[in-house]
Amino acid sequence: MRRHLNTIYVTTENAWVRKDGENLVVEAEAQELGRAPLHMLSGLICFSRAGASPAALAACAEAGICVSFLEPNGRFLARMEGARSGNVLLRRGQYRSADDGGRSVPIVRGIVAAKTANQRAVVRRALRDHGETLTDEACGALARAETRLSDVVRRVLLNDSVALLRGLEGEAAQVYFAVFTHLIRAEEFSFSVRSRRPPLDPVNALLSFLYAMLGHDCRSALEGVGLDPQVGFLHADRPGRASLALDLMEEFRPILADRLVLSLINRRQLTSRDFVIEEGGAVRLTDDARKTVLVAYQERKKDELVHPFLNEKVTLGLVPHIQAQLLARHLRGDLDGYPAFIWK
């Protein structure tokens, strides 16, 4: 079983990352902010204008540590990686499957069904845990959404067209986000519609930020087993887009990102003062709020659960790596199908 490795998030403006022996050291204004052994790391994510020494980047490449540079709101800028792992036969199998509708449809069907089922689980959890405190309007809307999401899952399992499956995934997202505001119990926050580039309210800013973190983890998981993150099944190929990483993260958006957004807001760990409105209307987190979210994200990944396919207890942060391995096994012919992850 793969070890649960750590990710360093560098959020301090103009910070510098350097190598010291077998450690990565983060410093700013001639003061050391932290250090971590290279063998305990899987990723280094730098926000804003953080930089790194050539020796640190070379050490990361050799150790298989992915280095990503992002804007303060989580928007991807650049990425550095070392020699690709895996073998050419696995990637050739991936490319052939992506071009073969008969082989790609079952994979897409599993991903869309799992994502929709996990969205439904978020709605069900809210009804179960907070149904007594919700208004009749909210309870009714959530109950109808649960029914509609169940119907989408049923239709997904009966469908054999990638184009139609993409349409059903969009329908489920529309139903889910239409009632997302009813999952928010803090009065100072509200949600009306999903806005991405840029996010136009605090909830969307949180969702986009955590989706960027999740995307990094999913891409690293795929590269770790030798798959090409650019060539997907649900998401069409597009220059510069990691389509397979987007495919993989669909199963985890409701669990790792959406539920964490709701927890941070509903537990009052974040307030409206933790967000900044920029010129043009874009909303982003403050530096302190970003650190709060990153700590909570790392803690969330430590939660344990029983994997539904392996029937083994694992941490939530390891699930993307397990799913990437299961997908690789399917593409190599070791598994008859790809068992998408359904949260229970």
C-alpha atoms as a PDB file:
ATOM      1  CA  MET A   1       0.000   0.000   0.000  1.00  0.00           C
ATOM      2  CA  ARG A   2       1.281   3.445  -0.887  1.00  0.00           C
ATOM      3  CA  ARG A   3       2.310   5.652   2.045  1.00  0.00           C
ATOM      4  CA  HIS A   4       0.345   8.803   2.704  1.00  0.00           C
ATOM      5  CA  LEU A   5       2.966  11.400   1.778  1.00  0.00           C
ATOM      6  CA  ASN A   6       2.735  15.110   2.505  1.00  0.00           C
ATOM      7  CA  THR A   7       2.431  18.181   0.322  1.00  0.00           C
ATOM      8  CA  ILE A   8       4.171  21.468   1.114  1.00  0.00           C
ATOM      9  CA  TYR A   9       2.063  24.556   0.428  1.00  0.00           C
ATOM     10  CA  VAL A  10       4.110  27.755   0.169  1.00  0.00           C
ATOM     11  CA  THR A  11       1.793  30.732   0.684  1.00  0.00           C
ATOM     12  CA  THR A  12       4.156  33.431   1.996  1.00  0.00           C
ATOM     13  CA  GLU A  13       4.810  36.208  -0.502  1.00  0.00           C
ATOM     14  CA  ASN A  14       8.329  36.068  -2.038  1.00  0.00           C
ATOM     15  CA  ALA A  15       9.242  32.907  -0.113  1.00  0.00           C
ATOM     16  CA  TRP A  16      12.225  30.840  -1.257  1.00  0.00           C
ATOM     17  CA  VAL A  17      12.546  27.047  -1.308  1.00  0.00           C
ATOM     18  CA  ARG A  18      16.026  25.541  -1.112  1.00  0.00           C
ATOM     19  CA  LYS A  19      17.633  22.156  -0.552  1.00  0.00           C
ATOM     20  CA  ASP A  20      19.520  21.449   2.669  1.00  0.00           C
ATOM     21  CA  GLY A  21      20.933  17.937   2.696  1.00  0.00           C
ATOM     22  CA  GLU A  22      17.944  15.611   2.219  1.00  0.00           C
ATOM     23  CA  ASN A  23      15.424  18.278   3.239  1.00  0.00           C
ATOM     24  CA  LEU A  24      13.449  21.015   1.553  1.00  0.00           C
ATOM     25  CA  VAL A  25      13.591  24.299   3.454  1.00  0.00           C
ATOM     26  CA  VAL A  26      11.163  27.208   3.021  1.00  0.00           C
ATOM     27  CA  GLU A  27      12.401  30.620   4.096  1.00  0.00           C
ATOM     28  CA  ALA A  28      11.413  34.273   3.736  1.00  0.00           C
ATOM     29  CA  GLU A  29      13.280  37.419   4.711  1.00  0.00           C
ATOM     30  CA  ALA A  30      16.245  35.335   5.903  1.00  0.00           C
ATOM     31  CA  GLN A  31      14.059  33.378   8.339  1.00  0.00           C
ATOM     32  CA  GLU A  32      13.351  29.668   8.104  1.00  0.00           C
ATOM     33  CA  LEU A  33       9.610  28.994   7.984  1.00  0.00           C
ATOM     34  CA  GLY A  34       9.749  25.230   7.839  1.00  0.00           C
ATOM     35  CA  ARG A  35      11.548  22.144   6.534  1.00  0.00           C
ATOM     36  CA  ALA A  36      10.573  18.602   5.542  1.00  0.00           C
ATOM     37  CA  PRO A  37      12.479  15.468   4.489  1.00  0.00           C
ATOM     38  CA  LEU A  38      12.334  14.813   0.758  1.00  0.00           C
ATOM     39  CA  HIS A  39      11.342  11.160   1.246  1.00  0.00           C
ATOM     40  CA  MET A  40       8.166  12.238   3.077  1.00  0.00           C
ATOM     41  CA  LEU A  41       6.900  14.503   0.281  1.00  0.00           C
ATOM     42  CA  SER A  42       4.786  13.939  -2.808  1.00  0.00           C
ATOM     43  CA  GLY A  43       4.200  17.546  -3.853  1.00  0.00           C
ATOM     44  CA  LEU A  44       5.301  21.161  -3.554  1.00  0.00           C
ATOM     45  CA  ILE A  45       2.728  23.846  -4.380  1.00  0.00           C
ATOM     46  CA  CYS A  46       3.853  27.476  -4.537  1.00  0.00           C
ATOM     47  CA  PHE A  47       1.387  30.353  -4.540  1.00  0.00           C
ATOM     48  CA  SER A  48       1.988  33.897  -5.745  1.00  0.00           C
ATOM     49  CA  ARG A  49       5.672  34.815  -6.273  1.00  0.00           C
ATOM     50  CA  ALA A  50       7.379  32.024  -4.348  1.00  0.00           C
ATOM     51  CA  GLY A  51      10.577  30.706  -5.940  1.00  0.00           C
ATOM     52  CA  ALA A  52      12.903  27.718  -5.663  1.00  0.00           C
ATOM     53  CA  SER A  53      16.612  27.088  -6.135  1.00  0.00           C
ATOM     54  CA  PRO A  54      17.864  24.904  -9.030  1.00  0.00           C
ATOM     55  CA  ALA A  55      19.164  22.394  -6.482  1.00  0.00           C
ATOM     56  CA  ALA A  56      15.741  22.140  -4.836  1.00  0.00           C
ATOM     57  CA  LEU A  57      13.988  21.670  -8.194  1.00  0.00           C
ATOM     58  CA  ALA A  58      16.508  19.020  -9.245  1.00  0.00           C
ATOM     59  CA  ALA A  59      16.025  17.154  -5.963  1.00  0.00           C
ATOM     60  CA  CYS A  60      12.252  17.242  -6.402  1.00  0.00           C
ATOM     61  CA  ALA A  61      12.515  15.932  -9.957  1.00  0.00           C
ATOM     62  CA  GLU A  62      14.786  13.084  -8.880  1.00  0.00           C
ATOM     63  CA  ALA A  63      12.541  12.158  -5.937  1.00  0.00           C
ATOM     64  CA  GLY A  64       9.359  12.252  -8.020  1.00  0.00           C
ATOM     65  CA  ILE A  65       7.990  15.290  -6.175  1.00  0.00           C
ATOM     66  CA  CYS A  66       5.663  17.308  -8.363  1.00  0.00           C
ATOM     67  CA  VAL A  67       6.203  21.093  -8.195  1.00  0.00           C
ATOM     68  CA  SER A  68       3.304  23.369  -9.156  1.00  0.00           C
ATOM     69  CA  PHE A  69       3.041  27.147  -9.289  1.00  0.00           C
ATOM     70  CA  LEU A  70      -0.395  28.716  -8.813  1.00  0.00           C
ATOM     71  CA  GLU A  71      -1.967  32.139  -8.489  1.00  0.00           C
ATOM     72  CA  PRO A  72      -3.299  33.112  -5.014  1.00  0.00           C
ATOM     73  CA  ASN A  73      -6.825  32.003  -6.020  1.00  0.00           C
ATOM     74  CA  GLY A  74      -5.551  28.542  -7.002  1.00  0.00           C
ATOM     75  CA  ARG A  75      -5.440  29.072 -10.765  1.00  0.00           C
ATOM     76  CA  PHE A  76      -2.754  26.901 -12.345  1.00  0.00           C
ATOM     77  CA  LEU A  77       0.304  28.649 -13.796  1.00  0.00           C
ATOM     78  CA  ALA A  78       3.057  26.076 -14.362  1.00  0.00           C
ATOM     79  CA  ARG A  79       4.256  22.646 -13.334  1.00  0.00           C
ATOM     80  CA  MET A  80       7.594  20.871 -13.164  1.00  0.00           C
ATOM     81  CA  GLU A  81       8.103  17.134 -13.106  1.00  0.00           C
ATOM     82  CA  GLY A  82      10.966  14.697 -13.538  1.00  0.00           C
ATOM     83  CA  ALA A  83      11.230  11.665 -15.775  1.00  0.00           C
ATOM     84  CA  ARG A  84       7.856  10.047 -16.404  1.00  0.00           C
ATOM     85  CA  SER A  85       7.156   6.790 -14.624  1.00  0.00           C
ATOM     86  CA  GLY A  86       5.322   3.782 -15.929  1.00  0.00           C
ATOM     87  CA  ASN A  87       5.799   2.027 -19.248  1.00  0.00           C
ATOM     88  CA  VAL A  88       4.894   2.781 -22.820  1.00  0.00           C
ATOM     89  CA  LEU A  89       2.624  -0.273 -23.094  1.00  0.00           C
ATOM     90  CA  LEU A  90       0.275   1.072 -20.413  1.00  0.00           C
ATOM     91  CA  ARG A  91       0.064   4.459 -22.115  1.00  0.00           C
ATOM     92  CA  ARG A  92      -0.527   2.892 -25.517  1.00  0.00           C
ATOM     93  CA  GLY A  93      -3.378   0.917 -23.946  1.00  0.00           C
ATOM     94  CA  GLN A  94      -4.754   4.156 -22.489  1.00  0.00           C
ATOM     95  CA  TYR A  95      -4.662   5.887 -25.893  1.00  0.00           C
ATOM     96  CA  ARG A  96      -6.323   2.967 -27.656  1.00  0.00           C
ATOM     97  CA  SER A  97      -9.087   2.822 -25.042  1.00  0.00           C
ATOM     98  CA  ALA A  98      -9.688   6.569 -25.280  1.00  0.00           C
ATOM     99  CA  ASP A  99     -10.220   6.219 -29.056  1.00  0.00           C
ATOM    100  CA  ASP A 100     -12.444   3.144 -28.741  1.00  0.00           C
ATOM    101  CA  GLY A 101     -16.022   3.953 -27.749  1.00  0.00           C
ATOM    102  CA  GLY A 102     -16.698   0.379 -26.705  1.00  0.00           C
ATOM    103  CA  ARG A 103     -13.871   0.528 -24.159  1.00  0.00           C
ATOM    104  CA  SER A 104     -14.264   4.130 -23.043  1.00  0.00           C
ATOM    105  CA  VAL A 105     -18.033   4.147 -22.433  1.00  0.00           C
ATOM    106  CA  PRO A 106     -17.920   1.771 -19.411  1.00  0.00           C
ATOM    107  CA  ILE A 107     -15.192   3.923 -17.824  1.00  0.00           C
ATOM    108  CA  VAL A 108     -17.148   7.137 -18.401  1.00  0.00           C
ATOM    109  CA  ARG A 109     -20.343   5.493 -17.171  1.00  0.00           C
ATOM    110  CA  GLY A 110     -18.666   4.496 -13.925  1.00  0.00           C
ATOM    111  CA  ILE A 111     -17.175   7.948 -13.344  1.00  0.00           C
ATOM    112  CA  VAL A 112     -20.449   9.800 -13.977  1.00  0.00           C
ATOM    113  CA  ALA A 113     -22.500   7.348 -11.916  1.00  0.00           C
ATOM    114  CA  ALA A 114     -20.045   7.578  -8.998  1.00  0.00           C
ATOM    115  CA  LYS A 115     -19.906  11.377  -9.086  1.00  0.00           C
ATOM    116  CA  THR A 116     -23.707  11.646  -9.164  1.00  0.00           C
ATOM    117  CA  ALA A 117     -24.083   9.094  -6.364  1.00  0.00           C
ATOM    118  CA  ASN A 118     -21.546  11.023  -4.274  1.00  0.00           C
ATOM    119  CA  GLN A 119     -23.427  14.273  -4.879  1.00  0.00           C
ATOM    120  CA  ARG A 120     -26.590  12.504  -3.758  1.00  0.00           C
ATOM    121  CA  ALA A 121     -24.761  11.288  -0.638  1.00  0.00           C
ATOM    122  CA  VAL A 122     -23.888  14.899   0.275  1.00  0.00           C
ATOM    123  CA  VAL A 123     -27.559  15.850  -0.031  1.00  0.00           C
ATOM    124  CA  ARG A 124     -28.669  12.812   1.957  1.00  0.00           C
ATOM    125  CA  ARG A 125     -26.141  13.557   4.696  1.00  0.00           C
ATOM    126  CA  ALA A 126     -27.558  17.085   5.064  1.00  0.00           C
ATOM    127  CA  LEU A 127     -31.122  15.783   5.288  1.00  0.00           C
ATOM    128  CA  ARG A 128     -30.124  13.162   7.833  1.00  0.00           C
ATOM    129  CA  ASP A 129     -27.994  15.368  10.063  1.00  0.00           C
ATOM    130  CA  HIS A 130     -29.769  18.713   9.808  1.00  0.00           C
ATOM    131  CA  GLY A 131     -33.253  17.958   8.512  1.00  0.00           C
ATOM    132  CA  GLU A 132     -34.877  19.048  11.777  1.00  0.00           C
ATOM    133  CA  THR A 133     -33.289  22.507  11.630  1.00  0.00           C
ATOM    134  CA  LEU A 134     -33.900  23.145   7.925  1.00  0.00           C
ATOM    135  CA  THR A 135     -36.911  25.068   6.665  1.00  0.00           C
ATOM    136  CA  ASP A 136     -39.719  23.199   4.916  1.00  0.00           C
ATOM    137  CA  GLU A 137     -38.646  24.843   1.659  1.00  0.00           C
ATOM    138  CA  ALA A 138     -35.064  23.642   2.048  1.00  0.00           C
ATOM    139  CA  CYS A 139     -36.101  20.113   3.022  1.00  0.00           C
ATOM    140  CA  GLY A 140     -38.449  19.895   0.068  1.00  0.00           C
ATOM    141  CA  ALA A 141     -35.832  21.163  -2.382  1.00  0.00           C
ATOM    142  CA  LEU A 142     -33.194  18.761  -1.075  1.00  0.00           C
ATOM    143  CA  ALA A 143     -35.580  15.809  -1.142  1.00  0.00           C
ATOM    144  CA  ARG A 144     -36.525  16.571  -4.757  1.00  0.00           C
ATOM    145  CA  ALA A 145     -32.847  16.922  -5.670  1.00  0.00           C
ATOM    146  CA  GLU A 146     -32.096  13.549  -4.084  1.00  0.00           C
ATOM    147  CA  THR A 147     -34.838  11.946  -6.173  1.00  0.00           C
ATOM    148  CA  ARG A 148     -33.637  13.588  -9.384  1.00  0.00           C
ATOM    149  CA  LEU A 149     -30.025  12.579  -8.733  1.00  0.00           C
ATOM    150  CA  SER A 150     -31.154   8.998  -8.167  1.00  0.00           C
ATOM    151  CA  ASP A 151     -32.944   9.158 -11.509  1.00  0.00           C
ATOM    152  CA  VAL A 152     -29.787  10.449 -13.217  1.00  0.00           C
ATOM    153  CA  VAL A 153     -27.773   7.561 -11.763  1.00  0.00           C
ATOM    154  CA  ARG A 154     -30.347   5.109 -13.138  1.00  0.00           C
ATOM    155  CA  ARG A 155     -30.202   6.658 -16.619  1.00  0.00           C
ATOM    156  CA  VAL A 156     -26.398   6.770 -16.556  1.00  0.00           C
ATOM    157  CA  LEU A 157     -26.231   3.017 -15.944  1.00  0.00           C
ATOM    158  CA  LEU A 158     -28.486   2.409 -18.956  1.00  0.00           C
ATOM    159  CA  ASN A 159     -26.590   4.702 -21.340  1.00  0.00           C
ATOM    160  CA  ASP A 160     -23.950   3.727 -23.885  1.00  0.00           C
ATOM    161  CA  SER A 161     -22.943   7.044 -25.463  1.00  0.00           C
ATOM    162  CA  VAL A 162     -20.107   9.246 -24.182  1.00  0.00           C
ATOM    163  CA  ALA A 163     -21.838  12.371 -25.496  1.00  0.00           C
ATOM    164  CA  LEU A 164     -25.081  11.529 -23.694  1.00  0.00           C
ATOM    165  CA  LEU A 165     -23.200  10.606 -20.526  1.00  0.00           C
ATOM    166  CA  ARG A 166     -21.557  14.027 -20.588  1.00  0.00           C
ATOM    167  CA  GLY A 167     -25.019  15.538 -20.851  1.00  0.00           C
ATOM    168  CA  LEU A 168     -26.226  13.544 -17.850  1.00  0.00           C
ATOM    169  CA  GLU A 169     -23.179  14.643 -15.847  1.00  0.00           C
ATOM    170  CA  GLY A 170     -24.095  18.245 -16.634  1.00  0.00           C
ATOM    171  CA  GLU A 171     -27.724  17.640 -15.652  1.00  0.00           C
ATOM    172  CA  ALA A 172     -26.656  16.186 -12.301  1.00  0.00           C
ATOM    173  CA  ALA A 173     -24.358  19.147 -11.641  1.00  0.00           C
ATOM    174  CA  GLN A 174     -27.189  21.570 -12.404  1.00  0.00           C
ATOM    175  CA  VAL A 175     -29.542  19.772  -9.980  1.00  0.00           C
ATOM    176  CA  TYR A 176     -26.877  19.550  -7.275  1.00  0.00           C
ATOM    177  CA  PHE A 177     -25.708  23.160  -7.384  1.00  0.00           C
ATOM    178  CA  ALA A 178     -29.301  24.418  -7.602  1.00  0.00           C
ATOM    179  CA  VAL A 179     -29.779  23.256  -3.992  1.00  0.00           C
ATOM    180  CA  PHE A 180     -26.238  23.857  -2.747  1.00  0.00           C
ATOM    181  CA  THR A 181     -27.313  27.037  -0.985  1.00  0.00           C
ATOM    182  CA  HIS A 182     -29.649  24.960   1.220  1.00  0.00           C
ATOM    183  CA  LEU A 183     -26.602  23.075   2.521  1.00  0.00           C
ATOM    184  CA  ILE A 184     -25.111  26.328   3.846  1.00  0.00           C
ATOM    185  CA  ARG A 185     -26.222  27.187   7.386  1.00  0.00           C
ATOM    186  CA  ALA A 186     -24.155  30.356   7.930  1.00  0.00           C
ATOM    187  CA  GLU A 187     -26.366  33.352   7.175  1.00  0.00           C
ATOM    188  CA  GLU A 188     -23.540  35.541   5.845  1.00  0.00           C
ATOM    189  CA  PHE A 189     -22.887  33.105   2.971  1.00  0.00           C
ATOM    190  CA  SER A 190     -25.121  32.262   0.045  1.00  0.00           C
ATOM    191  CA  PHE A 191     -24.800  30.502  -3.286  1.00  0.00           C
ATOM    192  CA  SER A 192     -26.811  30.967  -6.461  1.00  0.00           C
ATOM    193  CA  VAL A 193     -24.835  29.589  -9.399  1.00  0.00           C
ATOM    194  CA  ARG A 194     -21.447  28.028 -10.054  1.00  0.00           C
ATOM    195  CA  SER A 195     -18.995  30.655 -11.389  1.00  0.00           C
ATOM    196  CA  ARG A 196     -15.465  29.623 -12.264  1.00  0.00           C
ATOM    197  CA  ARG A 197     -13.281  32.092 -14.161  1.00  0.00           C
ATOM    198  CA  PRO A 198     -13.363  34.129 -12.089  1.00  0.00           C
ATOM    199  CA  PRO A 199     -15.307  33.017  -8.976  1.00  0.00           C
ATOM    200  CA  LEU A 200     -17.779  35.778  -8.144  1.00  0.00           C
ATOM    201  CA  ASP A 201     -18.638  35.002  -4.511  1.00  0.00           C
ATOM    202  CA  PRO A 202     -16.900  33.455  -1.477  1.00  0.00           C
ATOM    203  CA  VAL A 203     -18.445  30.000  -1.880  1.00  0.00           C
ATOM    204  CA  ASN A 204     -17.327  29.780  -5.497  1.00  0.00           C
ATOM    205  CA  ALA A 205     -13.885  31.041  -4.523  1.00  0.00           C
ATOM    206  CA  LEU A 206     -13.601  28.217  -1.979  1.00  0.00           C
ATOM    207  CA  LEU A 207     -14.835  25.605  -4.442  1.00  0.00           C
ATOM    208  CA  SER A 208     -12.407  26.723  -7.147  1.00  0.00           C
ATOM    209  CA  PHE A 209      -9.485  26.826  -4.716  1.00  0.00           C
ATOM    210  CA  LEU A 210     -10.115  23.305  -3.409  1.00  0.00           C
ATOM    211  CA  TYR A 211     -10.769  21.936  -6.888  1.00  0.00           C
ATOM    212  CA  ALA A 212      -7.313  23.220  -7.867  1.00  0.00           C
ATOM    213  CA  MET A 213      -5.765  21.359  -4.914  1.00  0.00           C
ATOM    214  CA  LEU A 214      -7.698  18.203  -5.751  1.00  0.00           C
ATOM    215  CA  GLY A 215      -6.675  18.441  -9.398  1.00  0.00           C
ATOM    216  CA  HIS A 216      -3.017  18.565  -8.381  1.00  0.00           C
ATOM    217  CA  ASP A 217      -3.433  15.444  -6.238  1.00  0.00           C
ATOM    218  CA  CYS A 218      -5.259  13.534  -8.988  1.00  0.00           C
ATOM    219  CA  ARG A 219      -2.676  14.406 -11.607  1.00  0.00           C
ATOM    220  CA  SER A 220       0.119  13.282  -9.292  1.00  0.00           C
ATOM    221  CA  ALA A 221      -1.735  10.019  -8.630  1.00  0.00           C
ATOM    222  CA  LEU A 222      -2.054   9.283 -12.349  1.00  0.00           C
ATOM    223  CA  GLU A 223       1.566  10.078 -13.069  1.00  0.00           C
ATOM    224  CA  GLY A 224       2.564   7.891 -10.137  1.00  0.00           C
ATOM    225  CA  VAL A 225       1.114   4.795 -11.831  1.00  0.00           C
ATOM    226  CA  GLY A 226       2.383   5.713 -15.299  1.00  0.00           C
ATOM    227  CA  LEU A 227      -0.781   7.057 -16.944  1.00  0.00           C
ATOM    228  CA  ASP A 228      -0.858  10.148 -19.144  1.00  0.00           C
ATOM    229  CA  PRO A 229      -2.973  12.797 -17.330  1.00  0.00           C
ATOM    230  CA  GLN A 230      -3.639  14.645 -20.612  1.00  0.00           C
ATOM    231  CA  VAL A 231      -5.672  11.914 -22.335  1.00  0.00           C
ATOM    232  CA  GLY A 232      -9.047  11.322 -20.723  1.00  0.00           C
ATOM    233  CA  PHE A 233     -12.345   9.585 -21.369  1.00  0.00           C
ATOM    234  CA  LEU A 234     -15.096  11.847 -19.990  1.00  0.00           C
ATOM    235  CA  HIS A 235     -13.325  15.142 -20.744  1.00  0.00           C
ATOM    236  CA  ALA A 236     -12.427  15.688 -24.384  1.00  0.00           C
ATOM    237  CA  ASP A 237      -8.820  16.304 -25.370  1.00  0.00           C
ATOM    238  CA  ARG A 238      -7.799  19.953 -25.355  1.00  0.00           C
ATOM    239  CA  PRO A 239      -4.294  21.441 -25.546  1.00  0.00           C
ATOM    240  CA  GLY A 240      -3.027  22.256 -22.058  1.00  0.00           C
ATOM    241  CA  ARG A 241      -5.856  20.453 -20.245  1.00  0.00           C
ATOM    242  CA  ALA A 242      -5.176  17.431 -18.038  1.00  0.00           C
ATOM    243  CA  SER A 243      -8.327  15.615 -19.147  1.00  0.00           C
ATOM    244  CA  LEU A 244      -7.702  12.343 -17.320  1.00  0.00           C
ATOM    245  CA  ALA A 245      -6.922  14.204 -14.083  1.00  0.00           C
ATOM    246  CA  LEU A 246     -10.262  15.995 -14.479  1.00  0.00           C
ATOM    247  CA  ASP A 247     -11.934  12.618 -15.084  1.00  0.00           C
ATOM    248  CA  LEU A 248     -10.455  11.128 -11.931  1.00  0.00           C
ATOM    249  CA  MET A 249     -11.275  14.084  -9.701  1.00  0.00           C
ATOM    250  CA  GLU A 250     -14.977  14.025 -10.644  1.00  0.00           C
ATOM    251  CA  GLU A 251     -15.533  11.158  -8.194  1.00  0.00           C
ATOM    252  CA  PHE A 252     -13.937  13.145  -5.354  1.00  0.00           C
ATOM    253  CA  ARG A 253     -15.313  16.658  -5.849  1.00  0.00           C
ATOM    254  CA  PRO A 254     -18.360  16.117  -3.580  1.00  0.00           C
ATOM    255  CA  ILE A 255     -16.351  14.290  -0.912  1.00  0.00           C
ATOM    256  CA  LEU A 256     -13.011  16.038  -0.671  1.00  0.00           C
ATOM    257  CA  ALA A 257     -13.931  19.548  -1.833  1.00  0.00           C
ATOM    258  CA  ASP A 258     -17.665  20.277  -1.520  1.00  0.00           C
ATOM    259  CA  ARG A 259     -18.084  18.793   1.956  1.00  0.00           C
ATOM    260  CA  LEU A 260     -14.974  20.610   3.176  1.00  0.00           C
ATOM    261  CA  VAL A 261     -16.355  23.910   1.868  1.00  0.00           C
ATOM    262  CA  LEU A 262     -19.570  23.287   3.779  1.00  0.00           C
ATOM    263  CA  SER A 263     -17.694  22.333   6.951  1.00  0.00           C
ATOM    264  CA  LEU A 264     -15.479  25.430   6.866  1.00  0.00           C
ATOM    265  CA  ILE A 265     -18.488  27.698   6.399  1.00  0.00           C
ATOM    266  CA  ASN A 266     -20.992  25.977   8.666  1.00  0.00           C
ATOM    267  CA  ARG A 267     -18.509  25.623  11.530  1.00  0.00           C
ATOM    268  CA  ARG A 268     -17.634  29.332  11.222  1.00  0.00           C
ATOM    269  CA  GLN A 269     -13.981  28.571  10.523  1.00  0.00           C
ATOM    270  CA  LEU A 270     -14.267  31.138   7.755  1.00  0.00           C
ATOM    271  CA  THR A 271     -16.309  34.339   7.667  1.00  0.00           C
ATOM    272  CA  SER A 272     -17.018  36.967   5.040  1.00  0.00           C
ATOM    273  CA  ARG A 273     -13.958  38.885   6.267  1.00  0.00           C
ATOM    274  CA  ASP A 274     -11.742  36.079   4.939  1.00  0.00           C
ATOM    275  CA  PHE A 275     -12.428  37.051   1.327  1.00  0.00           C
ATOM    276  CA  VAL A 276     -11.314  39.921  -0.874  1.00  0.00           C
ATOM    277  CA  ILE A 277     -13.172  41.346  -3.866  1.00  0.00           C
ATOM    278  CA  GLU A 278     -10.764  42.362  -6.607  1.00  0.00           C
ATOM    279  CA  GLU A 279     -11.245  44.777  -9.482  1.00  0.00           C
ATOM    280  CA  GLY A 280     -13.566  43.191 -12.008  1.00  0.00           C
ATOM    281  CA  GLY A 281     -15.572  41.381  -9.327  1.00  0.00           C
ATOM    282  CA  ALA A 282     -13.370  38.313  -8.783  1.00  0.00           C
ATOM    283  CA  VAL A 283     -13.359  36.991  -5.208  1.00  0.00           C
ATOM    284  CA  ARG A 284     -10.338  35.346  -3.577  1.00  0.00           C
ATOM    285  CA  LEU A 285      -9.306  34.185  -0.122  1.00  0.00           C
ATOM    286  CA  THR A 286      -7.040  36.258   2.093  1.00  0.00           C
ATOM    287  CA  ASP A 287      -3.594  34.858   2.877  1.00  0.00           C
ATOM    288  CA  ASP A 288      -4.648  33.739   6.367  1.00  0.00           C
ATOM    289  CA  ALA A 289      -7.838  32.153   5.058  1.00  0.00           C
ATOM    290  CA  ARG A 290      -5.900  30.259   2.412  1.00  0.00           C
ATOM    291  CA  LYS A 291      -3.684  28.772   5.117  1.00  0.00           C
ATOM    292  CA  THR A 292      -6.775  27.777   7.114  1.00  0.00           C
ATOM    293  CA  VAL A 293      -8.213  25.991   4.089  1.00  0.00           C
ATOM    294  CA  LEU A 294      -4.964  24.195   3.287  1.00  0.00           C
ATOM    295  CA  VAL A 295      -4.590  22.919   6.862  1.00  0.00           C
ATOM    296  CA  ALA A 296      -8.202  21.717   6.836  1.00  0.00           C
ATOM    297  CA  TYR A 297      -7.665  20.033   3.454  1.00  0.00           C
ATOM    298  CA  GLN A 298      -4.633  18.138   4.731  1.00  0.00           C
ATOM    299  CA  GLU A 299      -6.536  17.072   7.842  1.00  0.00           C
ATOM    300  CA  ARG A 300      -9.498  15.961   5.760  1.00  0.00           C
ATOM    301  CA  LYS A 301      -7.226  13.684   3.732  1.00  0.00           C
ATOM    302  CA  LYS A 302      -6.261  11.891   6.942  1.00  0.00           C
ATOM    303  CA  ASP A 303      -9.851  10.711   7.550  1.00  0.00           C
ATOM    304  CA  GLU A 304     -10.155   6.935   7.349  1.00  0.00           C
ATOM    305  CA  LEU A 305     -12.731   4.875   5.503  1.00  0.00           C
ATOM    306  CA  VAL A 306     -13.170   1.367   4.121  1.00  0.00           C
ATOM    307  CA  HIS A 307     -12.527   1.303   0.394  1.00  0.00           C
ATOM    308  CA  PRO A 308     -15.634  -0.222  -1.237  1.00  0.00           C
ATOM    309  CA  PHE A 309     -13.689  -2.302  -3.777  1.00  0.00           C
ATOM    310  CA  LEU A 310     -10.615  -3.340  -1.798  1.00  0.00           C
ATOM    311  CA  ASN A 311     -12.560  -3.668   1.465  1.00  0.00           C
ATOM    312  CA  GLU A 312      -9.545  -2.241   3.294  1.00  0.00           C
ATOM    313  CA  LYS A 313      -9.274   0.709   5.669  1.00  0.00           C
ATOM    314  CA  VAL A 314      -7.407   3.580   3.989  1.00  0.00           C
ATOM    315  CA  THR A 315      -7.081   7.332   4.398  1.00  0.00           C
ATOM    316  CA  LEU A 316      -9.181   9.539   2.150  1.00  0.00           C
ATOM    317  CA  GLY A 317      -6.024  11.143   0.754  1.00  0.00           C
ATOM    318  CA  LEU A 318      -4.883   7.774  -0.585  1.00  0.00           C
ATOM    319  CA  VAL A 319      -8.101   7.077  -2.490  1.00  0.00           C
ATOM    320  CA  PRO A 320      -7.091   9.014  -5.662  1.00  0.00           C
ATOM    321  CA  HIS A 321      -3.873   6.967  -5.798  1.00  0.00           C
ATOM    322  CA  ILE A 322      -5.835   3.733  -5.331  1.00  0.00           C
ATOM    323  CA  GLN A 323      -8.313   4.686  -8.056  1.00  0.00           C
ATOM    324  CA  ALA A 324      -5.466   5.596 -10.420  1.00  0.00           C
ATOM    325  CA  GLN A 325      -3.942   2.162  -9.782  1.00  0.00           C
ATOM    326  CA  LEU A 326      -7.280   0.431 -10.378  1.00  0.00           C
ATOM    327  CA  LEU A 327      -7.710   2.335 -13.658  1.00  0.00           C
ATOM    328  CA  ALA A 328      -4.205   1.326 -14.740  1.00  0.00           C
ATOM    329  CA  ARG A 329      -4.948  -2.316 -13.902  1.00  0.00           C
ATOM    330  CA  HIS A 330      -8.129  -2.150 -15.986  1.00  0.00           C
ATOM    331  CA  LEU A 331      -6.336  -0.600 -18.960  1.00  0.00           C
ATOM    332  CA  ARG A 332      -3.651  -3.323 -18.740  1.00  0.00           C
ATOM    333  CA  GLY A 333      -6.375  -5.977 -18.796  1.00  0.00           C
ATOM    334  CA  ASP A 334      -5.932  -7.138 -15.197  1.00  0.00           C
ATOM    335  CA  LEU A 335      -9.465  -5.993 -14.227  1.00  0.00           C
ATOM    336  CA  ASP A 336     -12.603  -6.506 -16.314  1.00  0.00           C
ATOM    337  CA  GLY A 337     -13.840  -3.008 -15.480  1.00  0.00           C
ATOM    338  CA  TYR A 338     -12.885   0.177 -13.687  1.00  0.00           C
ATOM    339  CA  PRO A 339     -14.508   0.233 -10.205  1.00  0.00           C
ATOM    340  CA  ALA A 340     -15.258   3.930  -9.678  1.00  0.00           C
ATOM    341  CA  PHE A 341     -15.286   5.193  -6.089  1.00  0.00           C
ATOM    342  CA  ILE A 342     -18.678   5.584  -4.388  1.00  0.00           C
ATOM    343  CA  TRP A 343     -18.659   7.183  -0.962  1.00  0.00           C
ATOM    344  CA  LYS A 344     -20.823   5.612   1.741  1.00  0.00           C
END
